[in-house]
Structure formats: C-alpha cells, structure tokens
Amino acid sequence: MPITDITKTVEEQVLGALAIAQEAVVDGVHRVAEAVDPVLPDVPRPFAAEAAELLDDAFTFAEKLLHNGHEFVGRLIEASDTTTASPKPAPATSASSSSKAGAK
C-alpha cells in the first residue's frame, strides 16, 4: 500500500474520531446549559455577543498562517530540487492588501 493511501486512511480515522469526540462535548455542554438555565437564567454571559466574531477572526488568522506555511514549505521543496533552474521568488504580499482581504 502506498504511503499516500496510508496517510489518507489515518487522516480519515483521526477526523472521524475527532468528530465523535466533538459531538460528545457539544452534547454535554448543551445538557449542562439546559440544566443550569432554570436555576441561573439571568447570569450575565460576557462576550457571548462577541464570541462568533472572535471565533471567525481567530480561524481566519489560523487559515492565513496555514496558507503561509503551505507556501513556505512548497518553496523549500522547490529550492531543494536541483533539477530545476532556480527557486521561484516569494509572491509579493503587503500588510495592507492582506488586511483588506481579511476585512469583511
């Protein structure tokens, strides 16, 4: 079996196990929230209104980091390949263009 097939199989198994674990956690939190709500209905939940925005911003940043790392490792592989003339230069990016792209 090729290593790529083994890798894909392991990835699928990890993602499947993670989905099961996440569902159990979400279900547990939901049950606790339902049980506590009648007792503590008016407890302030600071940041609740901002939670979705904070989550989206954090994952957008993580996606940018992952993309950056992917490009970097790709360039390292290209740079180590002696069969090509020379490594390609890094794509031009600027802080202003990436912050504009991230703004919604």
N, C-alpha and C. Protein backbone atom coordinates (compact mmCIF):
# COMPACT_ATOMS: atom_id res chain seq x y z
N MET A 1 0.85 -1.18 0.00
CA MET A 1 0.00 0.00 0.00
C MET A 1 0.90 1.25 0.00
N PRO A 2 0.69 2.16 -0.94
CA PRO A 2 1.50 3.38 -1.00
C PRO A 2 1.31 4.24 0.25
N ILE A 3 2.35 4.99 0.58
CA ILE A 3 2.31 5.84 1.78
C ILE A 3 1.18 6.86 1.70
N THR A 4 0.85 7.33 0.50
CA THR A 4 -0.24 8.30 0.37
C THR A 4 -1.57 7.68 0.78
N ASP A 5 -1.78 6.40 0.46
CA ASP A 5 -3.01 5.72 0.85
C ASP A 5 -3.06 5.54 2.37
N ILE A 6 -1.93 5.17 2.94
CA ILE A 6 -1.86 5.01 4.40
C ILE A 6 -2.16 6.33 5.09
N THR A 7 -1.55 7.40 4.59
CA THR A 7 -1.75 8.73 5.16
C THR A 7 -3.21 9.13 5.09
N LYS A 8 -3.85 8.92 3.95
CA LYS A 8 -5.27 9.28 3.80
C LYS A 8 -6.15 8.47 4.73
N THR A 9 -5.83 7.20 4.89
CA THR A 9 -6.61 6.34 5.78
C THR A 9 -6.50 6.84 7.22
N VAL A 10 -5.29 7.14 7.64
CA VAL A 10 -5.07 7.64 9.01
C VAL A 10 -5.78 8.99 9.19
N GLU A 11 -5.67 9.87 8.21
CA GLU A 11 -6.35 11.16 8.29
C GLU A 11 -7.85 10.98 8.47
N GLU A 12 -8.44 10.09 7.70
CA GLU A 12 -9.88 9.84 7.79
C GLU A 12 -10.25 9.29 9.17
N GLN A 13 -9.42 8.40 9.70
CA GLN A 13 -9.68 7.83 11.02
C GLN A 13 -9.59 8.89 12.11
N VAL A 14 -8.59 9.76 12.02
CA VAL A 14 -8.42 10.83 13.01
C VAL A 14 -9.60 11.79 12.94
N LEU A 15 -9.98 12.20 11.74
CA LEU A 15 -11.10 13.12 11.60
C LEU A 15 -12.40 12.49 12.08
N GLY A 16 -12.60 11.21 11.82
CA GLY A 16 -13.79 10.52 12.31
C GLY A 16 -13.84 10.47 13.82
N ALA A 17 -12.71 10.11 14.44
CA ALA A 17 -12.65 10.07 15.91
C ALA A 17 -12.85 11.46 16.50
N LEU A 18 -12.27 12.46 15.87
CA LEU A 18 -12.43 13.83 16.34
C LEU A 18 -13.88 14.28 16.26
N ALA A 19 -14.57 13.94 15.19
CA ALA A 19 -15.97 14.31 15.04
C ALA A 19 -16.82 13.66 16.13
N ILE A 20 -16.55 12.41 16.45
CA ILE A 20 -17.29 11.73 17.51
C ILE A 20 -17.05 12.40 18.86
N ALA A 21 -15.79 12.71 19.16
CA ALA A 21 -15.45 13.36 20.42
C ALA A 21 -16.07 14.75 20.50
N GLN A 22 -16.01 15.50 19.42
CA GLN A 22 -16.59 16.85 19.41
C GLN A 22 -18.09 16.80 19.63
N GLU A 23 -18.76 15.86 19.02
CA GLU A 23 -20.21 15.75 19.19
C GLU A 23 -20.55 15.44 20.64
N ALA A 24 -19.75 14.60 21.27
CA ALA A 24 -19.99 14.27 22.68
C ALA A 24 -19.81 15.51 23.56
N VAL A 25 -18.81 16.33 23.27
CA VAL A 25 -18.58 17.55 24.05
C VAL A 25 -19.72 18.54 23.84
N VAL A 26 -20.12 18.74 22.58
CA VAL A 26 -21.21 19.68 22.29
C VAL A 26 -22.49 19.23 22.99
N ASP A 27 -22.78 17.94 22.94
CA ASP A 27 -23.97 17.40 23.60
C ASP A 27 -23.88 17.63 25.11
N GLY A 28 -22.72 17.39 25.69
CA GLY A 28 -22.54 17.61 27.13
C GLY A 28 -22.72 19.06 27.53
N VAL A 29 -22.16 19.96 26.78
CA VAL A 29 -22.31 21.39 27.08
C VAL A 29 -23.76 21.80 26.95
N HIS A 30 -24.44 21.30 25.94
CA HIS A 30 -25.86 21.62 25.74
C HIS A 30 -26.70 21.14 26.93
N ARG A 31 -26.43 19.93 27.39
CA ARG A 31 -27.17 19.38 28.53
C ARG A 31 -26.91 20.19 29.80
N VAL A 32 -25.67 20.58 30.02
CA VAL A 32 -25.35 21.40 31.20
C VAL A 32 -26.05 22.75 31.10
N ALA A 33 -26.02 23.37 29.92
CA ALA A 33 -26.67 24.66 29.73
C ALA A 33 -28.16 24.56 29.99
N GLU A 34 -28.79 23.50 29.51
CA GLU A 34 -30.23 23.31 29.75
C GLU A 34 -30.52 23.09 31.23
N ALA A 35 -29.65 22.36 31.91
CA ALA A 35 -29.87 22.08 33.33
C ALA A 35 -29.67 23.31 34.20
N VAL A 36 -28.75 24.16 33.84
CA VAL A 36 -28.41 25.33 34.64
C VAL A 36 -29.33 26.51 34.35
N ASP A 37 -29.86 26.58 33.15
CA ASP A 37 -30.65 27.75 32.74
C ASP A 37 -31.82 28.05 33.67
N PRO A 38 -32.61 27.08 34.10
CA PRO A 38 -33.72 27.41 35.01
C PRO A 38 -33.25 27.95 36.36
N VAL A 39 -32.08 27.55 36.77
CA VAL A 39 -31.55 27.98 38.07
C VAL A 39 -30.86 29.34 37.96
N LEU A 40 -30.16 29.55 36.87
CA LEU A 40 -29.39 30.78 36.68
C LEU A 40 -29.74 31.46 35.35
N PRO A 41 -31.01 31.79 35.13
CA PRO A 41 -31.39 32.33 33.81
C PRO A 41 -30.82 33.71 33.52
N ASP A 42 -30.57 34.51 34.54
CA ASP A 42 -30.15 35.88 34.30
C ASP A 42 -28.68 36.11 34.55
N VAL A 43 -27.89 35.06 34.64
CA VAL A 43 -26.45 35.23 34.83
C VAL A 43 -25.89 35.85 33.56
N PRO A 44 -25.17 36.96 33.72
CA PRO A 44 -24.62 37.60 32.52
C PRO A 44 -23.60 36.68 31.85
N ARG A 45 -23.63 36.70 30.56
CA ARG A 45 -22.67 35.91 29.78
C ARG A 45 -21.81 36.88 28.98
N PRO A 46 -20.77 37.41 29.65
CA PRO A 46 -19.93 38.38 28.94
C PRO A 46 -19.28 37.72 27.73
N PHE A 47 -19.13 38.48 26.72
CA PHE A 47 -18.51 38.07 25.47
C PHE A 47 -19.39 37.18 24.60
N ALA A 48 -20.57 36.81 25.08
CA ALA A 48 -21.42 35.92 24.28
C ALA A 48 -21.75 36.55 22.94
N ALA A 49 -22.02 37.85 22.94
CA ALA A 49 -22.36 38.53 21.69
C ALA A 49 -21.16 38.60 20.75
N GLU A 50 -19.98 38.64 21.33
CA GLU A 50 -18.77 38.77 20.51
C GLU A 50 -18.14 37.42 20.18
N ALA A 51 -18.64 36.36 20.76
CA ALA A 51 -17.99 35.05 20.61
C ALA A 51 -17.88 34.62 19.15
N ALA A 52 -18.93 34.76 18.38
CA ALA A 52 -18.90 34.33 16.98
C ALA A 52 -17.88 35.13 16.18
N GLU A 53 -17.84 36.43 16.43
CA GLU A 53 -16.87 37.26 15.71
C GLU A 53 -15.44 36.91 16.10
N LEU A 54 -15.22 36.70 17.40
CA LEU A 54 -13.89 36.30 17.86
C LEU A 54 -13.48 34.96 17.26
N LEU A 55 -14.42 34.04 17.20
CA LEU A 55 -14.15 32.73 16.62
C LEU A 55 -13.78 32.86 15.15
N ASP A 56 -14.58 33.61 14.40
CA ASP A 56 -14.31 33.79 12.98
C ASP A 56 -12.95 34.44 12.75
N ASP A 57 -12.65 35.46 13.53
CA ASP A 57 -11.36 36.15 13.38
C ASP A 57 -10.19 35.22 13.69
N ALA A 58 -10.32 34.43 14.74
CA ALA A 58 -9.24 33.51 15.11
C ALA A 58 -9.01 32.46 14.02
N PHE A 59 -10.09 31.92 13.47
CA PHE A 59 -9.93 30.90 12.44
C PHE A 59 -9.47 31.51 11.12
N THR A 60 -9.86 32.74 10.83
CA THR A 60 -9.35 33.41 9.63
C THR A 60 -7.84 33.59 9.74
N PHE A 61 -7.38 34.00 10.91
CA PHE A 61 -5.95 34.15 11.13
C PHE A 61 -5.24 32.80 11.01
N ALA A 62 -5.82 31.76 11.60
CA ALA A 62 -5.22 30.43 11.52
C ALA A 62 -5.14 29.95 10.07
N GLU A 63 -6.18 30.24 9.28
CA GLU A 63 -6.16 29.87 7.86
C GLU A 63 -5.03 30.58 7.13
N LYS A 64 -4.82 31.86 7.44
CA LYS A 64 -3.74 32.62 6.82
C LYS A 64 -2.39 32.04 7.20
N LEU A 65 -2.23 31.66 8.48
CA LEU A 65 -0.97 31.05 8.92
C LEU A 65 -0.74 29.72 8.21
N LEU A 66 -1.77 28.91 8.11
CA LEU A 66 -1.65 27.62 7.44
C LEU A 66 -1.30 27.81 5.97
N HIS A 67 -1.95 28.74 5.32
CA HIS A 67 -1.66 29.03 3.90
C HIS A 67 -0.21 29.50 3.74
N ASN A 68 0.23 30.37 4.63
CA ASN A 68 1.59 30.88 4.58
C ASN A 68 2.58 29.73 4.75
N GLY A 69 2.33 28.86 5.72
CA GLY A 69 3.21 27.71 5.94
C GLY A 69 3.23 26.77 4.76
N HIS A 70 2.07 26.57 4.13
CA HIS A 70 1.98 25.71 2.95
C HIS A 70 2.84 26.27 1.82
N GLU A 71 2.72 27.56 1.57
CA GLU A 71 3.52 28.18 0.52
C GLU A 71 5.01 28.09 0.84
N PHE A 72 5.35 28.32 2.10
CA PHE A 72 6.75 28.28 2.52
C PHE A 72 7.35 26.89 2.31
N VAL A 73 6.67 25.86 2.75
CA VAL A 73 7.18 24.50 2.59
C VAL A 73 7.25 24.13 1.11
N GLY A 74 6.28 24.57 0.33
CA GLY A 74 6.34 24.33 -1.11
C GLY A 74 7.57 24.97 -1.74
N ARG A 75 7.89 26.18 -1.28
CA ARG A 75 9.08 26.86 -1.80
C ARG A 75 10.35 26.17 -1.34
N LEU A 76 10.34 25.62 -0.12
CA LEU A 76 11.51 24.86 0.35
C LEU A 76 11.72 23.62 -0.52
N ILE A 77 10.64 22.93 -0.85
CA ILE A 77 10.75 21.75 -1.71
C ILE A 77 11.29 22.14 -3.07
N GLU A 78 10.77 23.24 -3.63
CA GLU A 78 11.27 23.72 -4.92
C GLU A 78 12.74 24.10 -4.83
N ALA A 79 13.14 24.75 -3.75
CA ALA A 79 14.52 25.19 -3.59
C ALA A 79 15.47 24.00 -3.47
N SER A 80 14.99 22.90 -2.90
CA SER A 80 15.86 21.74 -2.73
C SER A 80 15.91 20.87 -3.98
N ASP A 81 15.06 21.14 -4.95
CA ASP A 81 15.02 20.35 -6.18
C ASP A 81 16.10 20.87 -7.12
N THR A 82 17.16 20.10 -7.28
CA THR A 82 18.28 20.53 -8.12
C THR A 82 18.03 20.32 -9.60
N THR A 83 16.89 19.74 -9.97
CA THR A 83 16.60 19.53 -11.38
C THR A 83 16.00 20.76 -12.04
N THR A 84 15.62 21.75 -11.24
CA THR A 84 15.07 22.99 -11.81
C THR A 84 16.16 24.06 -11.79
N ALA A 85 15.95 25.11 -12.58
CA ALA A 85 16.95 26.17 -12.71
C ALA A 85 17.17 26.91 -11.40
N SER A 86 16.11 27.48 -10.84
CA SER A 86 16.24 28.22 -9.59
C SER A 86 14.87 28.31 -8.94
N PRO A 87 14.86 28.50 -7.61
CA PRO A 87 13.56 28.60 -6.94
C PRO A 87 12.81 29.84 -7.37
N LYS A 88 11.50 29.73 -7.38
CA LYS A 88 10.65 30.87 -7.72
C LYS A 88 10.69 31.87 -6.58
N PRO A 89 10.64 33.17 -6.88
CA PRO A 89 10.60 34.16 -5.81
C PRO A 89 9.28 34.09 -5.05
N ALA A 90 9.34 34.56 -3.82
CA ALA A 90 8.13 34.58 -2.99
C ALA A 90 7.11 35.50 -3.62
N PRO A 91 5.82 35.14 -3.52
CA PRO A 91 4.79 36.04 -4.05
C PRO A 91 4.78 37.34 -3.26
N ALA A 92 4.61 38.44 -3.96
CA ALA A 92 4.59 39.74 -3.30
C ALA A 92 3.30 39.90 -2.51
N THR A 93 3.46 40.21 -1.24
CA THR A 93 2.30 40.48 -0.39
C THR A 93 2.62 41.72 0.42
N SER A 94 1.57 42.39 0.81
CA SER A 94 1.76 43.55 1.68
C SER A 94 0.77 43.46 2.82
N ALA A 95 1.11 44.07 3.92
CA ALA A 95 0.22 44.03 5.09
C ALA A 95 -1.11 44.69 4.77
N SER A 96 -1.08 45.75 3.97
CA SER A 96 -2.33 46.45 3.68
C SER A 96 -3.25 45.61 2.81
N SER A 97 -2.68 44.88 1.83
CA SER A 97 -3.57 44.08 0.97
C SER A 97 -4.12 42.89 1.70
N SER A 98 -3.33 42.29 2.61
CA SER A 98 -3.87 41.14 3.34
C SER A 98 -4.87 41.58 4.39
N SER A 99 -4.69 42.76 4.96
CA SER A 99 -5.68 43.21 5.95
C SER A 99 -6.97 43.62 5.26
N LYS A 100 -6.87 44.15 4.05
CA LYS A 100 -8.09 44.49 3.31
C LYS A 100 -8.83 43.23 2.91
N ALA A 101 -8.07 42.19 2.53
CA ALA A 101 -8.72 40.93 2.13
C ALA A 101 -9.41 40.28 3.31
N GLY A 102 -8.84 40.44 4.51
CA GLY A 102 -9.45 39.84 5.69
C GLY A 102 -10.62 40.61 6.22
N ALA A 103 -10.73 41.91 5.86
CA ALA A 103 -11.84 42.73 6.35
C ALA A 103 -13.13 42.34 5.65
N LYS A 104 -14.18 42.21 6.43
CA LYS A 104 -15.46 41.83 5.82
C LYS A 104 -16.48 42.90 6.09
